[in-house]
Amino acid sequence: MLSAHAQGEQRWTRPAAGLPAVAPLAIALAWAALVAAQATGQASLLHGYAHGQAHGLPLWLLVLLPPFWLAVAGFLAAWLVMVAAMMLPANLIAIRRVSTVVAHRPRQLAAGAFLAGHAFTWAAFGVAAYLADVATHPRPALALPAFVAAAGVFQFTALKRTCLSHRRHLEANRQQRAGLADAFRLGRFHGLSCVGCCGPLMLLMLAARGAPLLWMAGVTALMFCESLPLLARRATPAIGAGLLVAALLMLAPT
């Protein structure tokens, strides 16, 4: 006799129908935008807003100026494009499953509501990172090795393991997740677990100041490996060790 929790897990892990088209379409469009940015020399768009608007003003004064909020909007658009390109491939299984637990709604709408909630959480995280970047003006020569080292250490923490587990074992059932609002809320909570396990890796793109596509593709592949249960246990510490070695190499005298 299965418990209510076990029954919910069984419903959640039941194989779903095909992947809603909205997910791969969003990934394809996001990568197309990133390729276009590289080809047109606009790859630094993600970072130029933060440092092009500060002009030495204190943050409390800067946030009162309308151009600042236009800069925030521009940064946020670029940030969400990068999140869609790099994070969604690692969450395709969750998107497919959640689209089947929203009753009496087209699967595309269910997946769209889930993605909207996911984007909401990442947007909040991105704005917080943007404000910290503007306020601190980190020196690129030191900021990147520090971020790489911090991301490497984070791979070995309990918080990383907990968030990664929550991301892979998202709970949902037909009784509790019956509408689009529930899919949006589920996307928010799933996005929070993604921020908790992959936020430091995504911040590397911010610290890199216009990271090339190969960097983005590499980090995307790493996060995808961590989404696979058979690979995650070995991949997570291996990624951490690799990042720590990379940070030491960045600091080594040439």
Protein backbone atom coordinates (compact mmCIF):
# COMPACT_ATOMS: atom_id res chain seq x y z
CA MET A 1 0.00 0.00 0.00
CA LEU A 2 1.58 3.27 -1.12
CA SER A 3 1.51 6.36 1.06
CA ALA A 4 0.04 9.62 -0.26
CA HIS A 5 3.55 11.00 -0.72
CA ALA A 6 4.68 7.90 -2.61
CA GLN A 7 1.60 8.04 -4.81
CA GLY A 8 2.35 11.68 -5.59
CA GLU A 9 5.92 10.77 -6.50
CA GLN A 10 4.66 7.93 -8.67
CA ARG A 11 2.35 10.29 -10.53
CA TRP A 12 5.18 12.79 -10.96
CA THR A 13 7.64 10.27 -12.31
CA ARG A 14 5.20 8.65 -14.69
CA PRO A 15 6.48 9.00 -18.27
CA ALA A 16 4.92 11.99 -19.96
CA ALA A 17 4.04 12.70 -23.56
CA GLY A 18 6.39 14.57 -25.85
CA LEU A 19 8.13 17.76 -24.84
CA PRO A 20 6.01 20.90 -25.34
CA ALA A 21 7.33 22.83 -28.34
CA VAL A 22 7.57 26.07 -26.37
CA ALA A 23 10.65 24.79 -24.48
CA PRO A 24 12.96 23.86 -27.38
CA LEU A 25 11.72 26.93 -29.26
CA ALA A 26 12.76 29.18 -26.36
CA ILE A 27 16.17 27.49 -26.21
CA ALA A 28 16.71 27.82 -29.97
CA LEU A 29 15.72 31.50 -30.02
CA ALA A 30 17.92 32.26 -27.01
CA TRP A 31 20.98 30.64 -28.57
CA ALA A 32 20.26 32.40 -31.87
CA ALA A 33 20.23 35.72 -29.99
CA LEU A 34 23.55 34.88 -28.29
CA VAL A 35 25.15 33.92 -31.60
CA ALA A 36 23.86 37.13 -33.18
CA ALA A 37 25.28 39.16 -30.28
CA GLN A 38 28.69 37.56 -30.78
CA ALA A 39 28.58 38.04 -34.55
CA THR A 40 27.66 41.72 -34.27
CA GLY A 41 30.13 42.55 -31.50
CA GLN A 42 27.43 43.04 -28.88
CA ALA A 43 28.49 40.19 -26.58
CA SER A 44 29.31 42.65 -23.78
CA LEU A 45 25.71 43.88 -23.71
CA LEU A 46 25.10 41.83 -20.59
CA HIS A 47 27.77 43.76 -18.69
CA GLY A 48 28.06 47.13 -20.38
CA TYR A 49 24.85 48.44 -18.81
CA ALA A 50 26.14 48.12 -15.28
CA HIS A 51 29.37 50.03 -15.83
CA GLY A 52 28.26 52.43 -18.49
CA GLN A 53 25.67 54.10 -16.30
CA ALA A 54 27.40 54.45 -12.96
CA HIS A 55 29.73 57.41 -13.69
CA GLY A 56 31.02 57.34 -10.12
CA LEU A 57 27.62 58.16 -8.59
CA PRO A 58 26.60 56.50 -5.32
CA LEU A 59 24.04 53.75 -5.73
CA TRP A 60 21.37 55.53 -3.67
CA LEU A 61 21.50 58.47 -6.10
CA LEU A 62 21.89 56.35 -9.20
CA VAL A 63 18.64 54.45 -8.56
CA LEU A 64 16.71 57.75 -8.60
CA LEU A 65 17.67 58.44 -12.20
CA PRO A 66 15.36 57.14 -15.00
CA PRO A 67 18.29 56.04 -17.21
CA PHE A 68 19.31 53.62 -14.49
CA TRP A 69 16.03 51.72 -14.68
CA LEU A 70 16.25 51.65 -18.47
CA ALA A 71 19.67 50.09 -17.99
CA VAL A 72 18.19 47.55 -15.57
CA ALA A 73 15.54 46.62 -18.15
CA GLY A 74 18.19 46.16 -20.84
CA PHE A 75 20.37 44.06 -18.57
CA LEU A 76 17.41 41.95 -17.49
CA ALA A 77 16.43 41.19 -21.08
CA ALA A 78 19.98 40.08 -21.89
CA TRP A 79 20.22 38.08 -18.64
CA LEU A 80 16.98 36.18 -19.26
CA VAL A 81 18.08 35.32 -22.80
CA MET A 82 21.26 33.82 -21.34
CA VAL A 83 19.29 31.97 -18.65
CA ALA A 84 16.93 30.51 -21.28
CA ALA A 85 19.86 29.35 -23.41
CA MET A 86 21.91 27.86 -20.58
CA MET A 87 19.43 26.71 -17.92
CA LEU A 88 16.47 25.33 -19.88
CA PRO A 89 18.39 22.39 -21.42
CA ALA A 90 19.00 21.07 -17.90
CA ASN A 91 15.30 21.36 -17.05
CA LEU A 92 13.60 19.77 -20.06
CA ILE A 93 12.44 16.75 -18.04
CA ALA A 94 10.78 18.98 -15.44
CA ILE A 95 9.11 21.06 -18.18
CA ARG A 96 7.77 17.95 -19.88
CA ARG A 97 6.39 16.51 -16.67
CA VAL A 98 4.80 19.66 -15.31
CA SER A 99 2.95 20.18 -18.60
CA THR A 100 1.06 16.94 -17.93
CA VAL A 101 -0.14 17.77 -14.41
CA VAL A 102 -2.11 20.92 -15.25
CA ALA A 103 -5.69 19.82 -15.72
CA HIS A 104 -7.92 21.05 -18.55
CA ARG A 105 -5.26 23.32 -20.10
CA PRO A 106 -3.23 22.97 -23.31
CA ARG A 107 0.22 21.58 -22.58
CA GLN A 108 1.88 24.56 -24.27
CA LEU A 109 0.12 26.95 -21.87
CA ALA A 110 1.08 24.82 -18.89
CA ALA A 111 4.71 24.76 -19.97
CA GLY A 112 4.61 28.50 -20.66
CA ALA A 113 3.24 29.23 -17.18
CA PHE A 114 5.96 27.05 -15.64
CA LEU A 115 8.66 28.84 -17.65
CA ALA A 116 7.25 32.23 -16.67
CA GLY A 117 7.54 31.31 -12.99
CA HIS A 118 11.05 30.00 -13.59
CA ALA A 119 12.02 33.25 -15.33
CA PHE A 120 10.52 35.32 -12.49
CA THR A 121 12.89 33.75 -9.96
CA TRP A 122 15.93 34.09 -12.20
CA ALA A 123 15.00 37.71 -12.95
CA ALA A 124 14.99 38.53 -9.23
CA PHE A 125 18.38 36.86 -8.83
CA GLY A 126 19.75 38.69 -11.87
CA VAL A 127 18.62 42.12 -10.64
CA ALA A 128 20.23 41.46 -7.25
CA ALA A 129 23.49 40.49 -8.98
CA TYR A 130 23.28 43.58 -11.20
CA LEU A 131 22.86 45.92 -8.23
CA ALA A 132 25.77 44.27 -6.43
CA ASP A 133 27.90 44.67 -9.57
CA VAL A 134 27.06 48.37 -9.86
CA ALA A 135 27.59 49.02 -6.16
CA THR A 136 30.94 47.28 -5.81
CA HIS A 137 32.63 47.90 -9.21
CA PRO A 138 34.75 44.73 -8.86
CA ARG A 139 38.12 44.73 -10.60
CA PRO A 140 37.88 42.24 -13.49
CA ALA A 141 41.41 40.93 -12.97
CA LEU A 142 40.50 39.80 -9.44
CA ALA A 143 36.76 39.33 -9.71
CA LEU A 144 36.82 36.47 -12.21
CA PRO A 145 39.30 34.25 -10.30
CA ALA A 146 37.38 34.98 -7.08
CA PHE A 147 34.06 34.02 -8.67
CA VAL A 148 35.56 30.88 -10.20
CA ALA A 149 37.04 29.83 -6.84
CA ALA A 150 33.79 30.57 -4.99
CA ALA A 151 31.79 28.56 -7.55
CA GLY A 152 34.25 25.69 -7.12
CA VAL A 153 33.96 25.68 -3.32
CA PHE A 154 30.16 25.87 -3.59
CA GLN A 155 30.11 22.58 -5.49
CA PHE A 156 31.11 20.78 -2.29
CA THR A 157 28.53 22.38 0.03
CA ALA A 158 25.40 20.86 1.54
CA LEU A 159 23.33 23.67 0.04
CA LYS A 160 24.45 22.63 -3.45
CA ARG A 161 23.46 19.01 -2.80
CA THR A 162 20.12 19.98 -1.29
CA CYS A 163 19.13 22.32 -4.12
CA LEU A 164 20.26 19.85 -6.75
CA SER A 165 18.15 17.16 -5.14
CA HIS A 166 15.10 19.45 -5.02
CA ARG A 167 15.58 20.33 -8.68
CA ARG A 168 15.66 16.68 -9.72
CA HIS A 169 12.81 15.56 -7.47
CA LEU A 170 10.27 18.30 -7.94
CA GLU A 171 6.98 17.20 -6.35
CA ALA A 172 3.70 17.67 -8.15
CA ASN A 173 0.38 15.90 -8.43
CA ARG A 174 -2.90 16.47 -10.20
CA GLN A 175 -4.80 17.41 -7.09
CA GLN A 176 -2.35 20.06 -5.88
CA ARG A 177 -1.24 21.43 -9.28
CA ALA A 178 -4.47 21.82 -11.18
CA GLY A 179 -4.24 25.20 -12.91
CA LEU A 180 -1.98 27.64 -14.70
CA ALA A 181 -1.44 29.66 -11.52
CA ASP A 182 -0.18 26.48 -9.86
CA ALA A 183 2.15 25.82 -12.79
CA PHE A 184 3.52 29.37 -12.41
CA ARG A 185 4.02 28.83 -8.68
CA LEU A 186 5.68 25.49 -9.33
CA GLY A 187 7.99 27.21 -11.82
CA ARG A 188 8.94 29.82 -9.21
CA PHE A 189 9.87 27.18 -6.66
CA HIS A 190 11.71 25.11 -9.24
CA GLY A 191 13.57 28.24 -10.35
CA LEU A 192 14.57 28.83 -6.74
CA SER A 193 16.14 25.37 -6.53
CA CYS A 194 17.92 26.05 -9.85
CA VAL A 195 19.29 29.35 -8.53
CA GLY A 196 20.41 27.53 -5.39
CA CYS A 197 22.35 24.88 -7.27
CA CYS A 198 23.46 26.74 -10.43
CA GLY A 199 23.46 30.43 -9.47
CA PRO A 200 27.23 30.57 -8.84
CA LEU A 201 27.92 28.97 -12.23
CA MET A 202 25.66 31.50 -13.95
CA LEU A 203 27.39 34.36 -12.14
CA LEU A 204 30.62 33.32 -13.83
CA MET A 205 29.11 34.64 -17.06
CA LEU A 206 28.54 37.99 -15.38
CA ALA A 207 32.05 38.11 -13.95
CA ALA A 208 33.60 37.12 -17.27
CA ARG A 209 32.53 40.41 -18.91
CA GLY A 210 31.28 39.21 -22.28
CA ALA A 211 32.09 35.50 -22.07
CA PRO A 212 32.54 33.81 -25.46
CA LEU A 213 30.03 31.27 -26.71
CA LEU A 214 32.38 28.40 -25.92
CA TRP A 215 32.31 29.36 -22.25
CA MET A 216 28.52 29.49 -22.29
CA ALA A 217 28.26 26.17 -24.09
CA GLY A 218 30.71 24.59 -21.66
CA VAL A 219 28.87 25.78 -18.56
CA THR A 220 25.58 24.69 -20.14
CA ALA A 221 26.99 21.21 -20.65
CA LEU A 222 28.18 21.06 -17.04
CA MET A 223 24.77 22.03 -15.68
CA PHE A 224 23.10 19.51 -17.99
CA CYS A 225 25.37 16.74 -16.67
CA GLU A 226 24.36 17.66 -13.13
CA SER A 227 20.70 17.24 -14.08
CA LEU A 228 21.28 13.55 -14.92
CA PRO A 229 21.10 11.37 -11.78
CA LEU A 230 23.65 8.87 -13.08
CA LEU A 231 26.24 11.58 -13.68
CA ALA A 232 25.49 14.15 -10.98
CA ARG A 233 27.19 12.35 -8.08
CA ARG A 234 30.53 12.30 -9.86
CA ALA A 235 30.08 15.40 -12.00
CA THR A 236 29.39 17.83 -9.15
CA PRO A 237 32.67 17.36 -7.22
CA ALA A 238 34.63 17.01 -10.47
CA ILE A 239 33.29 20.38 -11.63
CA GLY A 240 34.21 21.89 -8.28
CA ALA A 241 37.77 20.57 -8.47
CA GLY A 242 38.12 21.81 -12.04
CA LEU A 243 36.94 25.29 -11.09
CA LEU A 244 39.39 25.50 -8.18
CA VAL A 245 42.26 24.50 -10.44
CA ALA A 246 41.14 27.05 -13.03
CA ALA A 247 41.07 29.79 -10.37
CA LEU A 248 44.63 28.95 -9.30
CA LEU A 249 45.80 29.03 -12.91
CA MET A 250 44.22 32.46 -13.37
CA LEU A 251 46.14 33.80 -10.39
CA ALA A 252 49.44 32.19 -11.31
CA PRO A 253 52.06 34.62 -12.62
CA THR A 254 52.63 34.42 -16.35
